[in-house]
PDB file of N, CA and C in Angstrom:
ATOM      1  N   MET A   1       8.303  90.992   0.706  1.00  0.00           N
ATOM      2  CA  MET A   1       8.675  89.964  -0.230  1.00  0.00           C
ATOM      3  C   MET A   1       8.114  88.619   0.198  1.00  0.00           C
ATOM      4  N   LEU A   2       8.183  88.373   1.489  1.00  0.00           N
ATOM      5  CA  LEU A   2       7.672  87.124   2.037  1.00  0.00           C
ATOM      6  C   LEU A   2       6.166  87.030   1.837  1.00  0.00           C
ATOM      7  N   GLU A   3       5.529  88.190   1.957  1.00  0.00           N
ATOM      8  CA  GLU A   3       4.083  88.217   1.790  1.00  0.00           C
ATOM      9  C   GLU A   3       3.695  87.915   0.340  1.00  0.00           C
ATOM     10  N   SER A   4       4.423  88.396  -0.634  1.00  0.00           N
ATOM     11  CA  SER A   4       4.100  88.125  -2.036  1.00  0.00           C
ATOM     12  C   SER A   4       4.370  86.659  -2.378  1.00  0.00           C
ATOM     13  N   ARG A   5       5.414  86.090  -1.775  1.00  0.00           N
ATOM     14  CA  ARG A   5       5.674  84.663  -1.981  1.00  0.00           C
ATOM     15  C   ARG A   5       4.539  83.825  -1.399  1.00  0.00           C
ATOM     16  N   PHE A   6       4.044  84.272  -0.255  1.00  0.00           N
ATOM     17  CA  PHE A   6       2.934  83.565   0.370  1.00  0.00           C
ATOM     18  C   PHE A   6       1.704  83.610  -0.539  1.00  0.00           C
ATOM     19  N   LYS A   7       1.434  84.778  -1.129  1.00  0.00           N
ATOM     20  CA  LYS A   7       0.294  84.924  -2.030  1.00  0.00           C
ATOM     21  C   LYS A   7       0.461  84.026  -3.260  1.00  0.00           C
ATOM     22  N   VAL A   8       1.682  83.975  -3.788  1.00  0.00           N
ATOM     23  CA  VAL A   8       1.948  83.124  -4.946  1.00  0.00           C
ATOM     24  C   VAL A   8       1.757  81.655  -4.567  1.00  0.00           C
ATOM     25  N   ALA A   9       2.235  81.287  -3.365  1.00  0.00           N
ATOM     26  CA  ALA A   9       2.093  79.905  -2.906  1.00  0.00           C
ATOM     27  C   ALA A   9       0.622  79.547  -2.739  1.00  0.00           C
ATOM     28  N   VAL A  10      -0.162  80.446  -2.179  1.00  0.00           N
ATOM     29  CA  VAL A  10      -1.591  80.206  -2.005  1.00  0.00           C
ATOM     30  C   VAL A  10      -2.269  80.092  -3.372  1.00  0.00           C
ATOM     31  N   ALA A  11      -1.890  80.947  -4.306  1.00  0.00           N
ATOM     32  CA  ALA A  11      -2.471  80.897  -5.650  1.00  0.00           C
ATOM     33  C   ALA A  11      -2.111  79.576  -6.331  1.00  0.00           C
ATOM     34  N   LEU A  12      -0.865  79.149  -6.203  1.00  0.00           N
ATOM     35  CA  LEU A  12      -0.444  77.872  -6.778  1.00  0.00           C
ATOM     36  C   LEU A  12      -1.179  76.702  -6.128  1.00  0.00           C
ATOM     37  N   ALA A  13      -1.338  76.770  -4.816  1.00  0.00           N
ATOM     38  CA  ALA A  13      -2.056  75.703  -4.116  1.00  0.00           C
ATOM     39  C   ALA A  13      -3.506  75.631  -4.610  1.00  0.00           C
ATOM     40  N   GLY A  14      -4.107  76.782  -4.821  1.00  0.00           N
ATOM     41  CA  GLY A  14      -5.474  76.822  -5.348  1.00  0.00           C
ATOM     42  C   GLY A  14      -5.550  76.215  -6.739  1.00  0.00           C
ATOM     43  N   CYS A  15      -4.578  76.546  -7.574  1.00  0.00           N
ATOM     44  CA  CYS A  15      -4.547  75.972  -8.935  1.00  0.00           C
ATOM     45  C   CYS A  15      -4.361  74.461  -8.886  1.00  0.00           C
ATOM     46  N   VAL A  16      -3.478  74.002  -7.999  1.00  0.00           N
ATOM     47  CA  VAL A  16      -3.239  72.563  -7.868  1.00  0.00           C
ATOM     48  C   VAL A  16      -4.516  71.862  -7.423  1.00  0.00           C
ATOM     49  N   LEU A  17      -5.229  72.463  -6.488  1.00  0.00           N
ATOM     50  CA  LEU A  17      -6.480  71.868  -6.030  1.00  0.00           C
ATOM     51  C   LEU A  17      -7.506  71.813  -7.156  1.00  0.00           C
ATOM     52  N   LEU A  18      -7.596  72.886  -7.932  1.00  0.00           N
ATOM     53  CA  LEU A  18      -8.542  72.895  -9.046  1.00  0.00           C
ATOM     54  C   LEU A  18      -8.170  71.851 -10.097  1.00  0.00           C
ATOM     55  N   VAL A  19      -6.895  71.749 -10.397  1.00  0.00           N
ATOM     56  CA  VAL A  19      -6.447  70.760 -11.375  1.00  0.00           C
ATOM     57  C   VAL A  19      -6.673  69.359 -10.826  1.00  0.00           C
ATOM     58  N   GLY A  20      -6.415  69.172  -9.543  1.00  0.00           N
ATOM     59  CA  GLY A  20      -6.639  67.875  -8.913  1.00  0.00           C
ATOM     60  C   GLY A  20      -8.104  67.491  -8.949  1.00  0.00           C
ATOM     61  N   CYS A  21      -8.981  68.419  -8.709  1.00  0.00           N
ATOM     62  CA  CYS A  21     -10.413  68.143  -8.755  1.00  0.00           C
ATOM     63  C   CYS A  21     -10.855  67.825 -10.176  1.00  0.00           C
ATOM     64  N   ALA A  22     -10.323  68.556 -11.125  1.00  0.00           N
ATOM     65  CA  ALA A  22     -10.675  68.291 -12.517  1.00  0.00           C
ATOM     66  C   ALA A  22     -10.198  66.905 -12.912  1.00  0.00           C
ATOM     67  N   THR A  23      -9.029  66.534 -12.461  1.00  0.00           N
ATOM     68  CA  THR A  23      -8.497  65.219 -12.783  1.00  0.00           C
ATOM     69  C   THR A  23      -9.349  64.137 -12.144  1.00  0.00           C
ATOM     70  N   THR A  24      -9.759  64.337 -10.905  1.00  0.00           N
ATOM     71  CA  THR A  24     -10.615  63.370 -10.232  1.00  0.00           C
ATOM     72  C   THR A  24     -11.949  63.258 -10.958  1.00  0.00           C
ATOM     73  N   SER A  25     -12.482  64.383 -11.366  1.00  0.00           N
ATOM     74  CA  SER A  25     -13.749  64.371 -12.093  1.00  0.00           C
ATOM     75  C   SER A  25     -13.590  63.662 -13.430  1.00  0.00           C
ATOM     76  N   GLN A  26     -12.487  63.913 -14.109  1.00  0.00           N
ATOM     77  CA  GLN A  26     -12.228  63.220 -15.371  1.00  0.00           C
ATOM     78  C   GLN A  26     -12.044  61.730 -15.131  1.00  0.00           C
ATOM     79  N   ASP A  27     -11.363  61.393 -14.046  1.00  0.00           N
ATOM     80  CA  ASP A  27     -11.145  59.987 -13.706  1.00  0.00           C
ATOM     81  C   ASP A  27     -12.482  59.290 -13.464  1.00  0.00           C
ATOM     82  N   GLU A  28     -13.369  59.956 -12.745  1.00  0.00           N
ATOM     83  CA  GLU A  28     -14.689  59.376 -12.488  1.00  0.00           C
ATOM     84  C   GLU A  28     -15.484  59.221 -13.788  1.00  0.00           C
ATOM     85  N   ALA A  29     -15.364  60.198 -14.670  1.00  0.00           N
ATOM     86  CA  ALA A  29     -16.061  60.117 -15.956  1.00  0.00           C
ATOM     87  C   ALA A  29     -15.513  58.954 -16.783  1.00  0.00           C
ATOM     88  N   LEU A  30     -14.198  58.792 -16.775  1.00  0.00           N
ATOM     89  CA  LEU A  30     -13.595  57.681 -17.510  1.00  0.00           C
ATOM     90  C   LEU A  30     -14.005  56.340 -16.922  1.00  0.00           C
ATOM     91  N   ARG A  31     -14.049  56.266 -15.601  1.00  0.00           N
ATOM     92  CA  ARG A  31     -14.481  55.022 -14.954  1.00  0.00           C
ATOM     93  C   ARG A  31     -15.934  54.701 -15.317  1.00  0.00           C
ATOM     94  N   ALA A  32     -16.773  55.711 -15.318  1.00  0.00           N
ATOM     95  CA  ALA A  32     -18.179  55.501 -15.676  1.00  0.00           C
ATOM     96  C   ALA A  32     -18.293  55.033 -17.126  1.00  0.00           C
ATOM     97  N   GLU A  33     -17.515  55.653 -18.001  1.00  0.00           N
ATOM     98  CA  GLU A  33     -17.540  55.247 -19.406  1.00  0.00           C
ATOM     99  C   GLU A  33     -17.007  53.827 -19.569  1.00  0.00           C
ATOM    100  N   LEU A  34     -15.962  53.501 -18.823  1.00  0.00           N
ATOM    101  CA  LEU A  34     -15.405  52.148 -18.869  1.00  0.00           C
ATOM    102  C   LEU A  34     -16.430  51.127 -18.379  1.00  0.00           C
ATOM    103  N   ASN A  35     -17.134  51.448 -17.309  1.00  0.00           N
ATOM    104  CA  ASN A  35     -18.178  50.546 -16.807  1.00  0.00           C
ATOM    105  C   ASN A  35     -19.296  50.371 -17.834  1.00  0.00           C
ATOM    106  N   GLU A  36     -19.628  51.458 -18.522  1.00  0.00           N
ATOM    107  CA  GLU A  36     -20.660  51.384 -19.558  1.00  0.00           C
ATOM    108  C   GLU A  36     -20.192  50.495 -20.715  1.00  0.00           C
ATOM    109  N   ILE A  37     -18.934  50.641 -21.093  1.00  0.00           N
ATOM    110  CA  ILE A  37     -18.384  49.816 -22.176  1.00  0.00           C
ATOM    111  C   ILE A  37     -18.351  48.355 -21.759  1.00  0.00           C
ATOM    112  N   ARG A  38     -17.973  48.094 -20.516  1.00  0.00           N
ATOM    113  CA  ARG A  38     -17.973  46.713 -20.017  1.00  0.00           C
ATOM    114  C   ARG A  38     -19.380  46.124 -20.060  1.00  0.00           C
ATOM    115  N   ALA A  39     -20.357  46.910 -19.641  1.00  0.00           N
ATOM    116  CA  ALA A  39     -21.743  46.432 -19.659  1.00  0.00           C
ATOM    117  C   ALA A  39     -22.191  46.142 -21.092  1.00  0.00           C
ATOM    118  N   MET A  40     -21.795  47.008 -22.022  1.00  0.00           N
ATOM    119  CA  MET A  40     -22.147  46.784 -23.423  1.00  0.00           C
ATOM    120  C   MET A  40     -21.472  45.515 -23.951  1.00  0.00           C
ATOM    121  N   ALA A  41     -20.226  45.290 -23.561  1.00  0.00           N
ATOM    122  CA  ALA A  41     -19.512  44.087 -24.004  1.00  0.00           C
ATOM    123  C   ALA A  41     -20.159  42.835 -23.426  1.00  0.00           C
ATOM    124  N   GLU A  42     -20.546  42.890 -22.164  1.00  0.00           N
ATOM    125  CA  GLU A  42     -21.218  41.748 -21.544  1.00  0.00           C
ATOM    126  C   GLU A  42     -22.555  41.471 -22.231  1.00  0.00           C
ATOM    127  N   GLN A  43     -23.279  42.532 -22.573  1.00  0.00           N
ATOM    128  CA  GLN A  43     -24.557  42.370 -23.268  1.00  0.00           C
ATOM    129  C   GLN A  43     -24.337  41.780 -24.657  1.00  0.00           C
ATOM    130  N   ALA A  44     -23.302  42.247 -25.339  1.00  0.00           N
ATOM    131  CA  ALA A  44     -22.994  41.703 -26.669  1.00  0.00           C
ATOM    132  C   ALA A  44     -22.630  40.230 -26.571  1.00  0.00           C
ATOM    133  N   SER A  45     -21.890  39.881 -25.537  1.00  0.00           N
ATOM    134  CA  SER A  45     -21.523  38.478 -25.338  1.00  0.00           C
ATOM    135  C   SER A  45     -22.765  37.632 -25.059  1.00  0.00           C
ATOM    136  N   ALA A  46     -23.655  38.141 -24.229  1.00  0.00           N
ATOM    137  CA  ALA A  46     -24.897  37.417 -23.928  1.00  0.00           C
ATOM    138  C   ALA A  46     -25.753  37.280 -25.188  1.00  0.00           C
ATOM    139  N   ASP A  47     -25.797  38.339 -26.002  1.00  0.00           N
ATOM    140  CA  ASP A  47     -26.551  38.276 -27.257  1.00  0.00           C
ATOM    141  C   ASP A  47     -25.948  37.241 -28.201  1.00  0.00           C
ATOM    142  N   ALA A  48     -24.621  37.160 -28.228  1.00  0.00           N
ATOM    143  CA  ALA A  48     -23.953  36.176 -29.087  1.00  0.00           C
ATOM    144  C   ALA A  48     -24.264  34.756 -28.632  1.00  0.00           C
ATOM    145  N   VAL A  49     -24.284  34.544 -27.328  1.00  0.00           N
ATOM    146  CA  VAL A  49     -24.613  33.214 -26.800  1.00  0.00           C
ATOM    147  C   VAL A  49     -26.055  32.855 -27.163  1.00  0.00           C
ATOM    148  N   ALA A  50     -26.961  33.814 -27.001  1.00  0.00           N
ATOM    149  CA  ALA A  50     -28.367  33.565 -27.344  1.00  0.00           C
ATOM    150  C   ALA A  50     -28.517  33.284 -28.840  1.00  0.00           C
ATOM    151  N   ALA A  51     -27.801  34.026 -29.667  1.00  0.00           N
ATOM    152  CA  ALA A  51     -27.864  33.795 -31.114  1.00  0.00           C
ATOM    153  C   ALA A  51     -27.313  32.420 -31.465  1.00  0.00           C
ATOM    154  N   ARG A  52     -26.240  32.016 -30.781  1.00  0.00           N
ATOM    155  CA  ARG A  52     -25.665  30.691 -31.027  1.00  0.00           C
ATOM    156  C   ARG A  52     -26.663  29.600 -30.653  1.00  0.00           C
ATOM    157  N   GLU A  53     -27.362  29.787 -29.535  1.00  0.00           N
ATOM    158  CA  GLU A  53     -28.367  28.806 -29.113  1.00  0.00           C
ATOM    159  C   GLU A  53     -29.526  28.752 -30.108  1.00  0.00           C
ATOM    160  N   GLN A  54     -29.948  29.913 -30.595  1.00  0.00           N
ATOM    161  CA  GLN A  54     -31.028  29.946 -31.582  1.00  0.00           C
ATOM    162  C   GLN A  54     -30.593  29.287 -32.886  1.00  0.00           C
ATOM    163  N   ALA A  55     -29.351  29.508 -33.272  1.00  0.00           N
ATOM    164  CA  ALA A  55     -28.843  28.878 -34.495  1.00  0.00           C
ATOM    165  C   ALA A  55     -28.787  27.364 -34.338  1.00  0.00           C
ATOM    166  N   ALA A  56     -28.386  26.896 -33.166  1.00  0.00           N
ATOM    167  CA  ALA A  56     -28.345  25.453 -32.922  1.00  0.00           C
ATOM    168  C   ALA A  56     -29.758  24.864 -32.971  1.00  0.00           C
ATOM    169  N   ALA A  57     -30.722  25.579 -32.395  1.00  0.00           N
ATOM    170  CA  ALA A  57     -32.112  25.110 -32.432  1.00  0.00           C
ATOM    171  C   ALA A  57     -32.640  25.102 -33.870  1.00  0.00           C
ATOM    172  N   ALA A  58     -32.301  26.124 -34.639  1.00  0.00           N
ATOM    173  CA  ALA A  58     -32.737  26.181 -36.036  1.00  0.00           C
ATOM    174  C   ALA A  58     -32.109  25.046 -36.842  1.00  0.00           C
ATOM    175  N   LYS A  59     -30.843  24.748 -36.582  1.00  0.00           N
ATOM    176  CA  LYS A  59     -30.177  23.649 -37.288  1.00  0.00           C
ATOM    177  C   LYS A  59     -30.831  22.323 -36.938  1.00  0.00           C
ATOM    178  N   SER A  60     -31.151  22.148 -35.667  1.00  0.00           N
ATOM    179  CA  SER A  60     -31.817  20.920 -35.237  1.00  0.00           C
ATOM    180  C   SER A  60     -33.172  20.771 -35.928  1.00  0.00           C
ATOM    181  N   SER A  61     -33.908  21.865 -35.998  1.00  0.00           N
ATOM    182  CA  SER A  61     -35.210  21.847 -36.662  1.00  0.00           C
ATOM    183  C   SER A  61     -35.054  21.563 -38.159  1.00  0.00           C
ATOM    184  N   ALA A  62     -34.050  22.162 -38.777  1.00  0.00           N
ATOM    185  CA  ALA A  62     -33.805  21.918 -40.203  1.00  0.00           C
ATOM    186  C   ALA A  62     -33.393  20.470 -40.447  1.00  0.00           C
ATOM    187  N   ASP A  63     -32.584  19.915 -39.545  1.00  0.00           N
ATOM    188  CA  ASP A  63     -32.189  18.507 -39.684  1.00  0.00           C
ATOM    189  C   ASP A  63     -33.405  17.587 -39.580  1.00  0.00           C
ATOM    190  N   ALA A  64     -34.309  17.908 -38.648  1.00  0.00           N
ATOM    191  CA  ALA A  64     -35.527  17.106 -38.500  1.00  0.00           C
ATOM    192  C   ALA A  64     -36.403  17.228 -39.748  1.00  0.00           C
ATOM    193  N   ALA A  65     -36.494  18.434 -40.296  1.00  0.00           N
ATOM    194  CA  ALA A  65     -37.285  18.635 -41.516  1.00  0.00           C
ATOM    195  C   ALA A  65     -36.675  17.870 -42.684  1.00  0.00           C
ATOM    196  N   ARG A  66     -35.338  17.871 -42.769  1.00  0.00           N
ATOM    197  CA  ARG A  66     -34.674  17.125 -43.845  1.00  0.00           C
ATOM    198  C   ARG A  66     -34.940  15.629 -43.704  1.00  0.00           C
ATOM    199  N   ALA A  67     -34.864  15.116 -42.479  1.00  0.00           N
ATOM    200  CA  ALA A  67     -35.123  13.691 -42.254  1.00  0.00           C
ATOM    201  C   ALA A  67     -36.554  13.344 -42.647  1.00  0.00           C
ATOM    202  N   SER A  68     -37.493  14.210 -42.282  1.00  0.00           N
ATOM    203  CA  SER A  68     -38.894  13.987 -42.641  1.00  0.00           C
ATOM    204  C   SER A  68     -39.080  14.036 -44.156  1.00  0.00           C
ATOM    205  N   ALA A  69     -38.426  14.982 -44.812  1.00  0.00           N
ATOM    206  CA  ALA A  69     -38.525  15.087 -46.272  1.00  0.00           C
ATOM    207  C   ALA A  69     -37.898  13.871 -46.946  1.00  0.00           C
ATOM    208  N   ASP A  70     -36.766  13.406 -46.418  1.00  0.00           N
ATOM    209  CA  ASP A  70     -36.132  12.208 -46.984  1.00  0.00           C
ATOM    210  C   ASP A  70     -37.041  10.988 -46.846  1.00  0.00           C
ATOM    211  N   GLN A  71     -37.710  10.887 -45.691  1.00  0.00           N
ATOM    212  CA  GLN A  71     -38.635   9.775 -45.474  1.00  0.00           C
ATOM    213  C   GLN A  71     -39.821   9.874 -46.440  1.00  0.00           C
ATOM    214  N   ALA A  72     -40.352  11.073 -46.609  1.00  0.00           N
ATOM    215  CA  ALA A  72     -41.473  11.266 -47.536  1.00  0.00           C
ATOM    216  C   ALA A  72     -41.044  10.947 -48.967  1.00  0.00           C
ATOM    217  N   LYS A  73     -39.822  11.330 -49.322  1.00  0.00           N
ATOM    218  CA  LYS A  73     -39.313  11.032 -50.661  1.00  0.00           C
ATOM    219  C   LYS A  73     -39.193   9.522 -50.870  1.00  0.00           C
ATOM    220  N   ALA A  74     -38.696   8.823 -49.860  1.00  0.00           N
ATOM    221  CA  ALA A  74     -38.564   7.364 -49.961  1.00  0.00           C
ATOM    222  C   ALA A  74     -39.935   6.712 -50.085  1.00  0.00           C
ATOM    223  N   GLN A  75     -40.916   7.183 -49.308  1.00  0.00           N
ATOM    224  CA  GLN A  75     -42.267   6.634 -49.396  1.00  0.00           C
ATOM    225  C   GLN A  75     -42.885   6.921 -50.760  1.00  0.00           C
ATOM    226  N   ALA A  76     -42.632   8.113 -51.290  1.00  0.00           N
ATOM    227  CA  ALA A  76     -43.169   8.454 -52.613  1.00  0.00           C
ATOM    228  C   ALA A  76     -42.543   7.566 -53.680  1.00  0.00           C
ATOM    229  N   ALA A  77     -41.246   7.309 -53.571  1.00  0.00           N
ATOM    230  CA  ALA A  77     -40.582   6.426 -54.538  1.00  0.00           C
ATOM    231  C   ALA A  77     -41.129   5.009 -54.427  1.00  0.00           C
ATOM    232  N   ASP A  78     -41.381   4.548 -53.206  1.00  0.00           N
ATOM    233  CA  ASP A  78     -41.947   3.211 -52.996  1.00  0.00           C
ATOM    234  C   ASP A  78     -43.350   3.131 -53.588  1.00  0.00           C
ATOM    235  N   THR A  79     -44.160   4.147 -53.341  1.00  0.00           N
ATOM    236  CA  THR A  79     -45.520   4.179 -53.886  1.00  0.00           C
ATOM    237  C   THR A  79     -45.482   4.225 -55.410  1.00  0.00           C
ATOM    238  N   ASP A  80     -44.578   5.002 -55.969  1.00  0.00           N
ATOM    239  CA  ASP A  80     -44.435   5.078 -57.424  1.00  0.00           C
ATOM    240  C   ASP A  80     -44.058   3.713 -58.000  1.00  0.00           C
ATOM    241  N   ALA A  81     -43.148   3.016 -57.338  1.00  0.00           N
ATOM    242  CA  ALA A  81     -42.745   1.682 -57.808  1.00  0.00           C
ATOM    243  C   ALA A  81     -43.911   0.706 -57.726  1.00  0.00           C
ATOM    244  N   ARG A  82     -44.704   0.772 -56.662  1.00  0.00           N
ATOM    245  CA  ARG A  82     -45.870  -0.116 -56.525  1.00  0.00           C
ATOM    246  C   ARG A  82     -46.895   0.154 -57.622  1.00  0.00           C
ATOM    247  N   ILE A  83     -47.165   1.421 -57.863  1.00  0.00           N
ATOM    248  CA  ILE A  83     -48.131   1.780 -58.907  1.00  0.00           C
ATOM    249  C   ILE A  83     -47.624   1.309 -60.265  1.00  0.00           C
ATOM    250  N   ASP A  84     -46.334   1.480 -60.499  1.00  0.00           N
ATOM    251  CA  ASP A  84     -45.751   1.035 -61.768  1.00  0.00           C
ATOM    252  C   ASP A  84     -45.891  -0.478 -61.928  1.00  0.00           C
ATOM    253  N   ARG A  85     -45.626  -1.229 -60.860  1.00  0.00           N
ATOM    254  CA  ARG A  85     -45.773  -2.689 -60.918  1.00  0.00           C
ATOM    255  C   ARG A  85     -47.224  -3.082 -61.155  1.00  0.00           C
ATOM    256  N   MET A  86     -48.159  -2.382 -60.474  1.00  0.00           N
ATOM    257  CA  MET A  86     -49.580  -2.685 -60.659  1.00  0.00           C
ATOM    258  C   MET A  86     -50.007  -2.397 -62.095  1.00  0.00           C
ATOM    259  N   PHE A  87     -49.523  -1.311 -62.649  1.00  0.00           N
ATOM    260  CA  PHE A  87     -49.866  -0.964 -64.028  1.00  0.00           C
ATOM    261  C   PHE A  87     -49.322  -2.010 -64.997  1.00  0.00           C
ATOM    262  N   LYS A  88     -48.077  -2.401 -64.810  1.00  0.00           N
ATOM    263  CA  LYS A  88     -47.481  -3.424 -65.684  1.00  0.00           C
ATOM    264  C   LYS A  88     -48.200  -4.757 -65.543  1.00  0.00           C
ATOM    265  N   LYS A  89     -48.577  -5.111 -64.324  1.00  0.00           N
ATOM    266  CA  LYS A  89     -49.298  -6.362 -64.081  1.00  0.00           C
ATOM    267  C   LYS A  89     -50.647  -6.336 -64.784  1.00  0.00           C
ATOM    268  N   ALA A  90     -51.317  -5.189 -64.733  1.00  0.00           N
ATOM    269  CA  ALA A  90     -52.619  -5.050 -65.394  1.00  0.00           C
ATOM    270  C   ALA A  90     -52.464  -5.114 -66.905  1.00  0.00           C
ATOM    271  N   MET A  91     -51.363  -4.613 -67.427  1.00  0.00           N
ATOM    272  CA  MET A  91     -51.136  -4.627 -68.868  1.00  0.00           C
ATOM    273  C   MET A  91     -50.842  -6.039 -69.379  1.00  0.00           C
ATOM    274  N   TYR A  92     -50.224  -6.888 -68.561  1.00  0.00           N
ATOM    275  CA  TYR A  92     -49.889  -8.254 -68.979  1.00  0.00           C
ATOM    276  C   TYR A  92     -51.105  -9.176 -68.959  1.00  0.00           C
ATOM    277  N   LYS A  93     -52.145  -8.839 -68.265  1.00  0.00           N
ATOM    278  CA  LYS A  93     -53.330  -9.709 -68.162  1.00  0.00           C
ATOM    279  C   LYS A  93     -54.163  -9.645 -69.363  1.00  0.00           C
TER     280      LYS A  93
END
């Protein structure tokens, strides 16, 4: 009877070791997946920062283009007014 209990105990110990190893292996797999997810999140964060910087640069460029266009519009209006005055002056002579 003692011998059969010993065999059962050895069999149970073997099962516990196998389950323990499987759990450790699963734990390592989960840790690896977690590290991969963290790396992906860090990359996404870095991409977001880069996109924000590019958007700020694009806005700055658009603001400069708007200022240049506003200046060109003002110069065109000034030139139009001068031409109009010259035409009216020529008509009065």
